[in-house]
Amino acid sequence: MKKVGGVLFVALALVLACAGAGCVQPSEEEAEVQLCQSLTDLGAALESMENTSLRSTVGDIRDGRDQVRSAMESVRESAGQVANVRIDNLNAAYENLNQAVENLPTM
């Protein structure tokens, strides 16, 4: 009986440690909500880049790209938690944007 109590204590400690470390996977619904939020954040970052003008500097554009990069990383992470989600086209579009910004001349 003493051995069973010790095993249960260790198991409980591992579960709590894992939960504290973020090992607990979100439910499918929670993952979908997070993905939607990440996509909303990506949309906001892209809208911010859309507001560039002739007065925007290359630095401004790169800052905008960095915001898009951060939002895109969140989308990728969130999408990894949702079953049957493919973001190949979104990844390709981001890579095209990133390459276009990288090709801008520095002044």
C-alpha atoms as a PDB file:
ATOM      1  CA  MET A   1       0.000   0.000   0.000  1.00  0.00           C
ATOM      2  CA  LYS A   2       2.855   2.354   0.826  1.00  0.00           C
ATOM      3  CA  LYS A   3       4.413   1.683  -2.590  1.00  0.00           C
ATOM      4  CA  VAL A   4       1.147   2.542  -4.412  1.00  0.00           C
ATOM      5  CA  GLY A   5       0.895   5.835  -2.528  1.00  0.00           C
ATOM      6  CA  GLY A   6       4.455   6.699  -3.546  1.00  0.00           C
ATOM      7  CA  VAL A   7       3.750   5.901  -7.191  1.00  0.00           C
ATOM      8  CA  LEU A   8       0.581   8.013  -7.135  1.00  0.00           C
ATOM      9  CA  PHE A   9       2.495  10.877  -5.529  1.00  0.00           C
ATOM     10  CA  VAL A  10       5.202  10.711  -8.216  1.00  0.00           C
ATOM     11  CA  ALA A  11       2.574  10.494 -10.975  1.00  0.00           C
ATOM     12  CA  LEU A  12       0.727  13.506  -9.575  1.00  0.00           C
ATOM     13  CA  ALA A  13       3.982  15.456  -9.337  1.00  0.00           C
ATOM     14  CA  LEU A  14       4.794  14.634 -12.974  1.00  0.00           C
ATOM     15  CA  VAL A  15       1.345  15.683 -14.158  1.00  0.00           C
ATOM     16  CA  LEU A  16       1.602  18.978 -12.286  1.00  0.00           C
ATOM     17  CA  ALA A  17       5.127  19.601 -13.566  1.00  0.00           C
ATOM     18  CA  CYS A  18       4.069  18.833 -17.112  1.00  0.00           C
ATOM     19  CA  ALA A  19       1.048  21.130 -16.853  1.00  0.00           C
ATOM     20  CA  GLY A  20       3.256  23.884 -15.484  1.00  0.00           C
ATOM     21  CA  ALA A  21       5.702  23.413 -18.335  1.00  0.00           C
ATOM     22  CA  GLY A  22       2.968  23.659 -20.972  1.00  0.00           C
ATOM     23  CA  CYS A  23       2.894  19.962 -21.847  1.00  0.00           C
ATOM     24  CA  VAL A  24      -0.882  19.791 -21.709  1.00  0.00           C
ATOM     25  CA  GLN A  25      -2.237  20.013 -25.230  1.00  0.00           C
ATOM     26  CA  PRO A  26      -5.114  22.416 -25.817  1.00  0.00           C
ATOM     27  CA  SER A  27      -8.430  21.017 -26.903  1.00  0.00           C
ATOM     28  CA  GLU A  28      -9.221  21.184 -30.621  1.00  0.00           C
ATOM     29  CA  GLU A  29     -11.634  24.045 -29.960  1.00  0.00           C
ATOM     30  CA  GLU A  30      -9.052  25.998 -27.942  1.00  0.00           C
ATOM     31  CA  ALA A  31      -6.472  25.419 -30.668  1.00  0.00           C
ATOM     32  CA  GLU A  32      -8.878  26.699 -33.327  1.00  0.00           C
ATOM     33  CA  VAL A  33      -9.639  29.812 -31.271  1.00  0.00           C
ATOM     34  CA  GLN A  34      -5.912  30.474 -30.890  1.00  0.00           C
ATOM     35  CA  LEU A  35      -5.356  29.993 -34.618  1.00  0.00           C
ATOM     36  CA  CYS A  36      -8.151  32.460 -35.398  1.00  0.00           C
ATOM     37  CA  GLN A  37      -6.590  35.000 -33.017  1.00  0.00           C
ATOM     38  CA  SER A  38      -3.182  34.497 -34.603  1.00  0.00           C
ATOM     39  CA  LEU A  39      -4.672  35.003 -38.065  1.00  0.00           C
ATOM     40  CA  THR A  40      -6.389  38.181 -36.853  1.00  0.00           C
ATOM     41  CA  ASP A  41      -3.042  39.455 -35.534  1.00  0.00           C
ATOM     42  CA  LEU A  42      -1.412  38.608 -38.868  1.00  0.00           C
ATOM     43  CA  GLY A  43      -4.145  40.520 -40.681  1.00  0.00           C
ATOM     44  CA  ALA A  44      -3.519  43.570 -38.494  1.00  0.00           C
ATOM     45  CA  ALA A  45       0.225  43.415 -39.166  1.00  0.00           C
ATOM     46  CA  LEU A  46      -0.411  43.158 -42.912  1.00  0.00           C
ATOM     47  CA  GLU A  47      -2.829  46.101 -42.791  1.00  0.00           C
ATOM     48  CA  SER A  48      -0.145  48.112 -41.044  1.00  0.00           C
ATOM     49  CA  MET A  49       2.261  47.326 -43.883  1.00  0.00           C
ATOM     50  CA  GLU A  50      -0.429  48.253 -46.384  1.00  0.00           C
ATOM     51  CA  ASN A  51      -0.361  51.786 -44.985  1.00  0.00           C
ATOM     52  CA  THR A  52       3.136  52.458 -46.282  1.00  0.00           C
ATOM     53  CA  SER A  53       3.523  55.422 -48.555  1.00  0.00           C
ATOM     54  CA  LEU A  54       6.172  57.159 -50.596  1.00  0.00           C
ATOM     55  CA  ARG A  55       7.284  58.787 -47.363  1.00  0.00           C
ATOM     56  CA  SER A  56       7.899  55.436 -45.680  1.00  0.00           C
ATOM     57  CA  THR A  57      11.528  54.540 -45.293  1.00  0.00           C
ATOM     58  CA  VAL A  58      13.041  51.153 -46.000  1.00  0.00           C
ATOM     59  CA  GLY A  59      13.440  50.900 -42.225  1.00  0.00           C
ATOM     60  CA  ASP A  60       9.685  51.464 -41.787  1.00  0.00           C
ATOM     61  CA  ILE A  61       8.967  48.711 -44.284  1.00  0.00           C
ATOM     62  CA  ARG A  62      11.398  46.345 -42.573  1.00  0.00           C
ATOM     63  CA  ASP A  63       9.824  47.105 -39.197  1.00  0.00           C
ATOM     64  CA  GLY A  64       6.449  46.233 -40.690  1.00  0.00           C
ATOM     65  CA  ARG A  65       7.889  43.037 -42.114  1.00  0.00           C
ATOM     66  CA  ASP A  66       9.239  42.157 -38.660  1.00  0.00           C
ATOM     67  CA  GLN A  67       5.740  42.552 -37.204  1.00  0.00           C
ATOM     68  CA  VAL A  68       4.391  40.298 -39.942  1.00  0.00           C
ATOM     69  CA  ARG A  69       7.176  37.792 -39.213  1.00  0.00           C
ATOM     70  CA  SER A  70       6.244  37.659 -35.538  1.00  0.00           C
ATOM     71  CA  ALA A  71       2.557  37.242 -36.338  1.00  0.00           C
ATOM     72  CA  MET A  72       3.386  34.574 -38.913  1.00  0.00           C
ATOM     73  CA  GLU A  73       5.376  32.611 -36.334  1.00  0.00           C
ATOM     74  CA  SER A  74       2.315  32.660 -34.077  1.00  0.00           C
ATOM     75  CA  VAL A  75       0.136  31.420 -36.939  1.00  0.00           C
ATOM     76  CA  ARG A  76       2.555  28.575 -37.652  1.00  0.00           C
ATOM     77  CA  GLU A  77       2.649  27.601 -33.996  1.00  0.00           C
ATOM     78  CA  SER A  78      -1.125  27.776 -33.657  1.00  0.00           C
ATOM     79  CA  ALA A  79      -1.699  25.870 -36.890  1.00  0.00           C
ATOM     80  CA  GLY A  80       0.500  23.083 -35.597  1.00  0.00           C
ATOM     81  CA  GLN A  81      -2.010  22.515 -32.802  1.00  0.00           C
ATOM     82  CA  VAL A  82      -5.020  22.154 -35.116  1.00  0.00           C
ATOM     83  CA  ALA A  83      -5.643  18.912 -36.953  1.00  0.00           C
ATOM     84  CA  ASN A  84      -5.861  18.993 -40.747  1.00  0.00           C
ATOM     85  CA  VAL A  85      -4.764  22.596 -41.180  1.00  0.00           C
ATOM     86  CA  ARG A  86      -2.512  23.367 -44.110  1.00  0.00           C
ATOM     87  CA  ILE A  87      -0.872  26.730 -44.408  1.00  0.00           C
ATOM     88  CA  ASP A  88       1.384  26.029 -47.392  1.00  0.00           C
ATOM     89  CA  ASN A  89      -0.013  28.894 -49.484  1.00  0.00           C
ATOM     90  CA  LEU A  90       0.230  31.283 -46.538  1.00  0.00           C
ATOM     91  CA  ASN A  91       3.845  30.254 -45.941  1.00  0.00           C
ATOM     92  CA  ALA A  92       4.645  30.809 -49.628  1.00  0.00           C
ATOM     93  CA  ALA A  93       3.018  34.250 -49.597  1.00  0.00           C
ATOM     94  CA  TYR A  94       4.986  35.216 -46.496  1.00  0.00           C
ATOM     95  CA  GLU A  95       8.248  34.052 -48.074  1.00  0.00           C
ATOM     96  CA  ASN A  96       7.468  36.172 -51.163  1.00  0.00           C
ATOM     97  CA  LEU A  97       6.831  39.218 -48.961  1.00  0.00           C
ATOM     98  CA  ASN A  98       9.993  38.626 -46.982  1.00  0.00           C
ATOM     99  CA  GLN A  99      12.082  38.264 -50.148  1.00  0.00           C
ATOM    100  CA  ALA A 100      10.610  41.449 -51.622  1.00  0.00           C
ATOM    101  CA  VAL A 101      11.515  43.389 -48.469  1.00  0.00           C
ATOM    102  CA  GLU A 102      15.010  41.881 -48.404  1.00  0.00           C
ATOM    103  CA  ASN A 103      15.540  43.009 -52.006  1.00  0.00           C
ATOM    104  CA  LEU A 104      14.788  46.653 -51.182  1.00  0.00           C
ATOM    105  CA  PRO A 105      17.846  48.864 -51.517  1.00  0.00           C
ATOM    106  CA  THR A 106      19.185  50.485 -48.386  1.00  0.00           C
ATOM    107  CA  MET A 107      19.493  54.232 -48.593  1.00  0.00           C
END
